[in-house]
Amino acid sequence: MAISQEISYRLERLILDGGLAPEQKIPSERQLATRLGVSRAVIREALHELQGRGVIETRHGKGSFVASMFPRTDDLDPQSPLMLLFEGHPRTLFDLLEVREQLEGQAAYLAAKRATTLDLHRITKAYTALEQTDPLTNARPDHNFHQAIVEASHNPVLVHVLNGLKNLMLLTVQASVANLNPREEMRNKISRQHKRIYQAVMAKKPEAARRIAMSHVRFVSDAMRGIEQQGTAIIREPFNGPASIGTSP
């Protein structure tokens, strides 16, 4: 393997491991050369190779940045078969919550193990925004909090899967906010669950983070099933635009 190829591989590993986050500015050629112990010419060739593969992008006058790893597309065409199924069949809400329980539980576990200082800052920012928002209208801050944890998992496949379902996942959060948050007892339980998830991730307790995150989604699902069993129809919020993508530093 040529030296430049080895360096490009090492930079890719740095990105995958979270040392360089999507859309983060890459250190200068001089800094990378010093850090990796090679010449600037080798660094320049490695960066050119990564740019050719779309891993990094150059912005005129600003430098090189890690590219966004995930497509910024709206997965929720209101006329898509999946959306029509969601609207027409109540069980699909619970199918989605089953997926959330498993994937977000694993994301919380990995985030507690792998989160960087920057990740923890983003999670804290998202949690603070959630706490400061009216609980009757906080679906997007709620979703953003969970998304910040997913991104801190540093598992590109897991992030990609949940990113592809981001707007359907948002609809499950909207259903929770519309049906559970108006009920003070349930609203308070959900708030406590969010706090416990946050604390477990920040304390880097993977097993606790996974257990609490899964329990949280299961509680939401069971609570809404309970409402249906009482003869009350579940309120399903209409889709009103794509979910925000990612979190800002």
Protein backbone atom coordinates (compact mmCIF):
# COMPACT_ATOMS: atom_id res chain seq x y z
CA MET A 1 0.00 0.00 0.00
CA ALA A 2 1.37 3.41 -0.98
CA ILE A 3 2.05 5.81 1.88
CA SER A 4 -0.70 8.18 0.71
CA GLN A 5 -3.20 5.31 0.64
CA GLU A 6 -2.19 4.29 4.14
CA ILE A 7 -2.69 7.87 5.34
CA SER A 8 -6.09 8.13 3.63
CA TYR A 9 -7.09 4.87 5.33
CA ARG A 10 -5.97 6.20 8.71
CA LEU A 11 -7.97 9.38 8.16
CA GLU A 12 -11.04 7.31 7.27
CA ARG A 13 -10.63 5.37 10.50
CA LEU A 14 -10.36 8.65 12.37
CA ILE A 15 -13.68 9.72 10.84
CA LEU A 16 -15.38 6.40 11.61
CA ASP A 17 -14.10 6.43 15.19
CA GLY A 18 -15.41 9.95 15.77
CA GLY A 19 -12.07 11.75 15.87
CA LEU A 20 -13.31 13.81 12.94
CA ALA A 21 -17.06 14.36 12.82
CA PRO A 22 -19.19 14.91 9.69
CA GLU A 23 -18.91 18.55 8.53
CA GLN A 24 -15.99 19.20 10.89
CA LYS A 25 -13.07 21.14 9.45
CA ILE A 26 -10.02 19.00 8.81
CA PRO A 27 -6.70 20.17 10.34
CA SER A 28 -4.29 21.88 7.97
CA GLU A 29 -1.82 19.91 5.86
CA ARG A 30 0.97 21.08 8.12
CA GLN A 31 -0.84 19.93 11.26
CA LEU A 32 -1.70 16.55 9.74
CA ALA A 33 1.85 16.06 8.50
CA THR A 34 3.20 16.69 11.99
CA ARG A 35 0.57 14.53 13.63
CA LEU A 36 1.00 11.57 11.26
CA GLY A 37 4.75 11.89 10.70
CA VAL A 38 4.74 12.24 6.92
CA SER A 39 5.39 15.00 4.40
CA ARG A 40 2.82 17.59 3.37
CA ALA A 41 2.97 16.17 -0.18
CA VAL A 42 1.78 12.80 1.12
CA ILE A 43 -1.01 14.48 3.11
CA ARG A 44 -2.06 16.47 0.04
CA GLU A 45 -2.25 13.30 -2.06
CA ALA A 46 -4.23 11.46 0.64
CA LEU A 47 -6.72 14.31 0.95
CA HIS A 48 -7.09 14.44 -2.82
CA GLU A 49 -7.90 10.73 -2.81
CA LEU A 50 -10.51 11.17 -0.07
CA GLN A 51 -12.03 14.11 -1.91
CA GLY A 52 -12.29 12.01 -5.07
CA ARG A 53 -14.28 9.41 -3.11
CA GLY A 54 -16.55 12.03 -1.58
CA VAL A 55 -15.32 11.46 1.97
CA ILE A 56 -14.17 15.06 2.31
CA GLU A 57 -15.12 18.25 0.51
CA THR A 58 -13.24 21.49 -0.07
CA ARG A 59 -14.99 24.81 0.48
CA HIS A 60 -13.41 27.73 -1.29
CA GLY A 61 -11.62 30.02 1.13
CA LYS A 62 -12.50 27.88 4.13
CA GLY A 63 -10.53 24.65 3.78
CA SER A 64 -11.42 20.96 3.76
CA PHE A 65 -14.26 19.45 5.74
CA VAL A 66 -15.51 15.94 6.44
CA ALA A 67 -18.48 15.33 4.18
CA SER A 68 -21.90 14.57 5.59
CA MET A 69 -22.01 10.79 5.78
CA PHE A 70 -25.73 10.53 5.21
CA PRO A 71 -27.98 11.75 2.38
CA ARG A 72 -30.12 14.76 3.26
CA THR A 73 -33.30 13.53 1.67
CA ASP A 74 -36.91 13.56 2.75
CA ASP A 75 -37.93 9.92 3.13
CA LEU A 76 -41.59 10.69 3.71
CA ASP A 77 -43.50 11.29 0.53
CA PRO A 78 -47.09 11.61 1.82
CA GLN A 79 -48.18 9.27 -0.98
CA SER A 80 -45.50 6.65 -0.37
CA PRO A 81 -46.80 3.13 0.37
CA LEU A 82 -45.24 3.17 3.83
CA MET A 83 -46.85 6.50 4.68
CA LEU A 84 -50.25 5.30 3.46
CA LEU A 85 -49.89 2.20 5.61
CA PHE A 86 -48.95 4.34 8.60
CA GLU A 87 -52.07 6.47 8.17
CA GLY A 88 -54.43 3.62 7.42
CA HIS A 89 -53.40 0.94 9.89
CA PRO A 90 -53.02 1.70 13.61
CA ARG A 91 -50.66 -1.22 14.19
CA THR A 92 -47.89 0.40 12.12
CA LEU A 93 -47.35 2.95 14.91
CA PHE A 94 -46.50 0.09 17.27
CA ASP A 95 -44.36 -1.60 14.60
CA LEU A 96 -42.27 1.57 14.42
CA LEU A 97 -42.00 1.75 18.20
CA GLU A 98 -40.72 -1.84 18.26
CA VAL A 99 -37.96 -0.77 15.86
CA ARG A 100 -37.18 2.31 17.94
CA GLU A 101 -36.91 0.25 21.11
CA GLN A 102 -34.23 -2.03 19.69
CA LEU A 103 -32.22 0.46 17.64
CA GLU A 104 -32.28 3.36 20.10
CA GLY A 105 -31.41 1.00 22.94
CA GLN A 106 -28.32 -0.09 21.05
CA ALA A 107 -27.53 3.51 20.09
CA ALA A 108 -27.64 4.57 23.75
CA TYR A 109 -25.36 1.67 24.68
CA LEU A 110 -22.80 2.62 22.02
CA ALA A 111 -23.05 6.34 22.77
CA ALA A 112 -22.27 5.70 26.43
CA LYS A 113 -19.16 3.81 25.32
CA ARG A 114 -17.97 5.98 22.43
CA ALA A 115 -19.24 9.54 22.83
CA THR A 116 -16.56 12.20 22.43
CA THR A 117 -16.44 15.48 24.32
CA LEU A 118 -18.11 17.15 21.34
CA ASP A 119 -20.83 14.46 21.27
CA LEU A 120 -21.54 14.99 24.98
CA HIS A 121 -21.78 18.74 24.37
CA ARG A 122 -24.32 18.14 21.59
CA ILE A 123 -26.33 15.71 23.71
CA THR A 124 -26.37 18.20 26.59
CA LYS A 125 -27.47 20.99 24.27
CA ALA A 126 -30.29 18.83 22.86
CA TYR A 127 -31.39 17.72 26.34
CA THR A 128 -31.41 21.31 27.63
CA ALA A 129 -33.50 22.42 24.65
CA LEU A 130 -35.95 19.59 25.33
CA GLU A 131 -36.27 20.54 28.99
CA GLN A 132 -36.89 24.18 28.12
CA THR A 133 -39.65 23.49 25.57
CA ASP A 134 -43.38 23.34 26.24
CA PRO A 135 -44.05 19.60 26.75
CA LEU A 136 -47.26 19.87 24.73
CA THR A 137 -45.34 20.98 21.62
CA ASN A 138 -41.91 19.44 22.06
CA ALA A 139 -41.93 16.64 19.49
CA ARG A 140 -38.97 17.97 17.51
CA PRO A 141 -36.76 18.73 20.54
CA ASP A 142 -37.63 15.25 21.85
CA HIS A 143 -36.65 13.70 18.51
CA ASN A 144 -33.47 15.79 18.34
CA PHE A 145 -32.39 14.58 21.79
CA HIS A 146 -32.67 10.95 20.72
CA GLN A 147 -30.98 11.75 17.40
CA ALA A 148 -28.01 13.32 19.18
CA ILE A 149 -27.53 10.06 21.07
CA VAL A 150 -27.81 8.03 17.86
CA GLU A 151 -25.12 10.14 16.20
CA ALA A 152 -22.85 9.68 19.22
CA SER A 153 -22.95 5.89 18.67
CA HIS A 154 -20.32 6.28 15.92
CA ASN A 155 -21.81 3.32 14.09
CA PRO A 156 -22.36 4.61 10.54
CA VAL A 157 -24.72 1.77 9.63
CA LEU A 158 -26.93 2.34 12.66
CA VAL A 159 -26.99 6.09 12.04
CA HIS A 160 -27.77 5.51 8.37
CA VAL A 161 -30.68 3.16 9.13
CA LEU A 162 -32.27 5.54 11.63
CA ASN A 163 -31.55 8.55 9.42
CA GLY A 164 -33.42 6.82 6.60
CA LEU A 165 -36.43 6.45 8.89
CA LYS A 166 -36.04 9.79 10.63
CA ASN A 167 -39.41 11.25 9.64
CA LEU A 168 -41.32 8.09 10.48
CA MET A 169 -39.52 8.07 13.83
CA LEU A 170 -40.57 11.69 14.32
CA LEU A 171 -44.20 10.67 13.79
CA THR A 172 -43.94 8.22 16.69
CA VAL A 173 -42.62 11.04 18.88
CA GLN A 174 -45.45 13.31 17.72
CA ALA A 175 -47.95 10.60 18.64
CA SER A 176 -46.39 10.32 22.09
CA VAL A 177 -46.51 14.08 22.63
CA ALA A 178 -50.10 14.36 21.40
CA ASN A 179 -51.47 11.41 23.39
CA LEU A 180 -49.32 11.14 26.52
CA ASN A 181 -47.92 14.57 27.35
CA PRO A 182 -51.34 16.16 28.04
CA ARG A 183 -51.62 13.64 30.91
CA GLU A 184 -49.53 15.01 33.76
CA GLU A 185 -48.56 11.67 35.28
CA MET A 186 -47.33 10.27 31.96
CA ARG A 187 -45.66 13.54 31.01
CA ASN A 188 -43.69 13.51 34.27
CA LYS A 189 -42.67 9.87 33.78
CA ILE A 190 -41.39 10.57 30.29
CA SER A 191 -39.44 13.58 31.54
CA ARG A 192 -37.81 11.44 34.24
CA GLN A 193 -36.97 8.78 31.67
CA HIS A 194 -35.27 11.34 29.43
CA LYS A 195 -33.25 12.57 32.40
CA ARG A 196 -32.15 9.03 33.26
CA ILE A 197 -31.12 8.31 29.66
CA TYR A 198 -29.14 11.55 29.61
CA GLN A 199 -27.44 10.80 32.92
CA ALA A 200 -26.52 7.23 31.91
CA VAL A 201 -24.93 8.34 28.64
CA MET A 202 -23.08 11.24 30.27
CA ALA A 203 -21.83 8.91 33.03
CA LYS A 204 -20.68 6.43 30.36
CA LYS A 205 -22.75 3.54 31.69
CA PRO A 206 -23.55 1.53 28.53
CA GLU A 207 -25.71 -1.22 30.01
CA ALA A 208 -27.78 1.23 32.04
CA ALA A 209 -28.17 3.52 29.02
CA ARG A 210 -29.45 0.68 26.85
CA ARG A 211 -31.83 -0.62 29.52
CA ILE A 212 -33.30 2.81 30.27
CA ALA A 213 -33.61 3.80 26.60
CA MET A 214 -35.42 0.58 25.72
CA SER A 215 -37.65 0.86 28.77
CA HIS A 216 -38.54 4.42 27.75
CA VAL A 217 -39.74 3.46 24.27
CA ARG A 218 -41.55 0.40 25.66
CA PHE A 219 -43.35 2.61 28.18
CA VAL A 220 -44.53 4.93 25.39
CA SER A 221 -45.79 1.98 23.37
CA ASP A 222 -47.54 0.30 26.30
CA ALA A 223 -49.12 3.57 27.41
CA MET A 224 -50.60 4.22 23.97
CA ARG A 225 -51.84 0.64 23.72
CA GLY A 226 -53.51 1.19 27.06
CA ILE A 227 -55.28 4.28 25.73
CA GLU A 228 -56.56 2.30 22.74
CA GLN A 229 -57.76 -0.53 24.97
CA GLN A 230 -59.81 2.01 26.90
CA GLY A 231 -61.67 2.79 23.67
CA THR A 232 -59.95 6.11 22.92
CA ALA A 233 -58.59 6.62 19.42
CA ILE A 234 -54.90 7.44 19.21
CA ILE A 235 -54.22 10.94 17.88
CA ARG A 236 -51.84 10.80 14.91
CA GLU A 237 -50.21 14.08 14.08
CA PRO A 238 -50.05 14.85 10.35
CA PHE A 239 -46.64 15.02 8.73
CA ASN A 240 -45.66 18.70 8.52
CA GLY A 241 -42.18 18.75 7.08
CA PRO A 242 -38.95 16.82 7.33
CA ALA A 243 -37.23 16.25 10.61
CA SER A 244 -34.16 18.33 11.29
CA ILE A 245 -30.99 16.45 10.44
CA GLY A 246 -28.25 16.18 12.99
CA THR A 247 -27.45 18.55 15.80
CA SER A 248 -25.41 21.68 15.83
CA PRO A 249 -22.32 22.07 17.97
